[in-house]
Amino acid sequence: MTTPLPEFKMPLLWLALGWGLIGLVAFLSLVPAPPMDLDFDSSDKVGHLLAYGALMVWFGQIYMTFRRQAVLAAGFCTLGVLLEFLQGWGGARMFDPADMLANTAGVALGWWLTRGWFAGILLRLDQALAR
């Protein structure tokens, strides 16, 4: 059987955890009252930045080529816009274009970290755990 990521020893684990992160971000974006609410000005923007940064860092570690990361970045930015529209249409949450900007900034930060400081960390962890 061919694995989707031949350089990884446990690709399905890392992909499953990543999809779990996507599910968590979607859930927290659409639930009427998010359980974690920081208490300072623009704290929700920090949450958006961190959430989308985490998604980009995670999947950017799995898909390490520039081209795949560019597709991921576009996809996560699109997800952020879509979830923001769904919040507005749902009635329980507000549509806020500033959240879209925070999501996009998180994706950009995550991509930058993945291409620099965090490059290859997940692969090294994968290979160390597989020993």
Protein backbone atom coordinates (compact mmCIF):
# COMPACT_ATOMS: atom_id res chain seq x y z
CA MET A 1 0.00 0.00 0.00
CA THR A 2 1.35 3.42 -0.93
CA THR A 3 1.18 6.01 1.82
CA PRO A 4 0.12 9.55 0.98
CA LEU A 5 3.34 10.94 2.45
CA PRO A 6 6.18 8.47 1.81
CA GLU A 7 8.76 10.38 3.89
CA PHE A 8 6.59 10.01 7.03
CA LYS A 9 6.41 6.77 9.01
CA MET A 10 2.97 7.58 10.50
CA PRO A 11 1.28 9.80 7.90
CA LEU A 12 -2.28 8.80 8.74
CA LEU A 13 -1.80 9.81 12.39
CA TRP A 14 -0.56 13.29 11.45
CA LEU A 15 -3.29 13.75 8.85
CA ALA A 16 -6.00 12.61 11.29
CA LEU A 17 -4.73 15.03 13.93
CA GLY A 18 -4.67 17.82 11.34
CA TRP A 19 -8.23 17.13 10.23
CA GLY A 20 -9.19 17.12 13.90
CA LEU A 21 -7.71 20.62 14.18
CA ILE A 22 -9.75 21.74 11.17
CA GLY A 23 -12.87 20.28 12.78
CA LEU A 24 -12.10 22.05 16.06
CA VAL A 25 -11.60 25.40 14.32
CA ALA A 26 -14.88 24.96 12.42
CA PHE A 27 -16.73 23.95 15.58
CA LEU A 28 -15.38 26.85 17.63
CA SER A 29 -16.18 29.22 14.76
CA LEU A 30 -19.80 28.14 14.51
CA VAL A 31 -20.82 27.28 18.08
CA PRO A 32 -23.04 30.06 19.50
CA ALA A 33 -20.88 30.68 22.58
CA PRO A 34 -17.25 29.56 22.25
CA PRO A 35 -16.05 27.96 25.49
CA MET A 36 -12.71 29.82 25.63
CA ASP A 37 -12.97 33.57 25.69
CA LEU A 38 -9.97 35.68 26.56
CA ASP A 39 -10.75 38.98 28.25
CA PHE A 40 -8.91 41.86 26.58
CA ASP A 41 -9.49 44.13 23.61
CA SER A 42 -9.31 42.25 20.30
CA SER A 43 -8.72 38.95 22.10
CA ASP A 44 -10.91 37.20 19.54
CA LYS A 45 -8.56 38.41 16.80
CA VAL A 46 -5.64 36.83 18.64
CA GLY A 47 -7.63 33.60 18.78
CA HIS A 48 -8.26 33.73 15.04
CA LEU A 49 -4.59 34.43 14.34
CA LEU A 50 -3.45 31.53 16.53
CA ALA A 51 -6.03 29.07 15.19
CA TYR A 52 -5.25 29.67 11.53
CA GLY A 53 -1.53 29.88 12.25
CA ALA A 54 -1.73 26.47 13.92
CA LEU A 55 -3.56 24.99 10.92
CA MET A 56 -0.95 26.32 8.51
CA VAL A 57 1.97 25.21 10.67
CA TRP A 58 0.51 21.72 11.09
CA PHE A 59 -0.29 21.03 7.48
CA GLY A 60 2.76 22.95 6.27
CA GLN A 61 4.84 20.44 8.22
CA ILE A 62 3.12 17.55 6.46
CA TYR A 63 3.17 19.04 2.95
CA MET A 64 6.59 20.64 2.76
CA THR A 65 6.85 21.85 -0.84
CA PHE A 66 6.22 25.50 -1.60
CA ARG A 67 3.52 24.64 -4.13
CA ARG A 68 1.53 22.47 -1.72
CA GLN A 69 1.89 25.03 1.04
CA ALA A 70 0.59 27.75 -1.30
CA VAL A 71 -2.48 25.61 -2.00
CA LEU A 72 -2.93 25.04 1.74
CA ALA A 73 -2.61 28.75 2.46
CA ALA A 74 -5.25 29.59 -0.14
CA GLY A 75 -7.49 26.86 1.24
CA PHE A 76 -7.20 28.01 4.84
CA CYS A 77 -7.83 31.63 3.87
CA THR A 78 -10.92 30.47 1.98
CA LEU A 79 -12.04 28.41 4.98
CA GLY A 80 -11.73 31.49 7.20
CA VAL A 81 -13.85 33.58 4.83
CA LEU A 82 -16.46 30.83 4.47
CA LEU A 83 -16.75 30.27 8.23
CA GLU A 84 -17.08 34.00 8.79
CA PHE A 85 -19.99 34.18 6.32
CA LEU A 86 -21.59 31.15 7.99
CA GLN A 87 -21.32 32.93 11.35
CA GLY A 88 -23.17 35.91 9.92
CA TRP A 89 -25.87 33.78 8.34
CA GLY A 90 -26.36 31.65 11.45
CA GLY A 91 -27.70 34.50 13.58
CA ALA A 92 -25.96 33.50 16.82
CA ARG A 93 -22.59 35.03 15.89
CA MET A 94 -21.53 38.18 14.06
CA PHE A 95 -19.95 38.53 10.64
CA ASP A 96 -16.70 40.48 11.07
CA PRO A 97 -14.33 41.23 8.18
CA ALA A 98 -11.58 41.92 10.73
CA ASP A 99 -11.77 38.24 11.70
CA MET A 100 -11.04 37.35 8.07
CA LEU A 101 -7.96 39.54 8.21
CA ALA A 102 -6.85 37.90 11.46
CA ASN A 103 -7.35 34.45 9.89
CA THR A 104 -5.30 35.45 6.86
CA ALA A 105 -2.58 36.95 9.04
CA GLY A 106 -2.49 33.68 11.00
CA VAL A 107 -2.08 31.69 7.78
CA ALA A 108 0.73 34.01 6.66
CA LEU A 109 2.47 33.77 10.04
CA GLY A 110 2.09 30.00 10.09
CA TRP A 111 3.49 29.68 6.59
CA TRP A 112 6.45 31.88 7.48
CA LEU A 113 7.16 29.82 10.60
CA THR A 114 6.80 26.57 8.68
CA ARG A 115 9.28 27.67 6.02
CA GLY A 116 11.72 28.94 8.65
CA TRP A 117 11.98 28.10 12.33
CA PHE A 118 9.62 25.13 12.31
CA ALA A 119 10.81 23.55 9.04
CA GLY A 120 10.91 19.76 9.37
CA ILE A 121 10.02 19.50 13.06
CA LEU A 122 7.06 17.16 12.54
CA LEU A 123 9.03 14.91 10.20
CA ARG A 124 11.85 14.63 12.76
CA LEU A 125 9.31 13.86 15.50
CA ASP A 126 7.64 11.27 13.26
CA GLN A 127 10.93 9.53 12.56
CA ALA A 128 12.01 9.63 16.20
CA LEU A 129 8.72 8.13 17.38
CA ALA A 130 8.89 5.40 14.75
CA ARG A 131 12.24 4.09 16.06
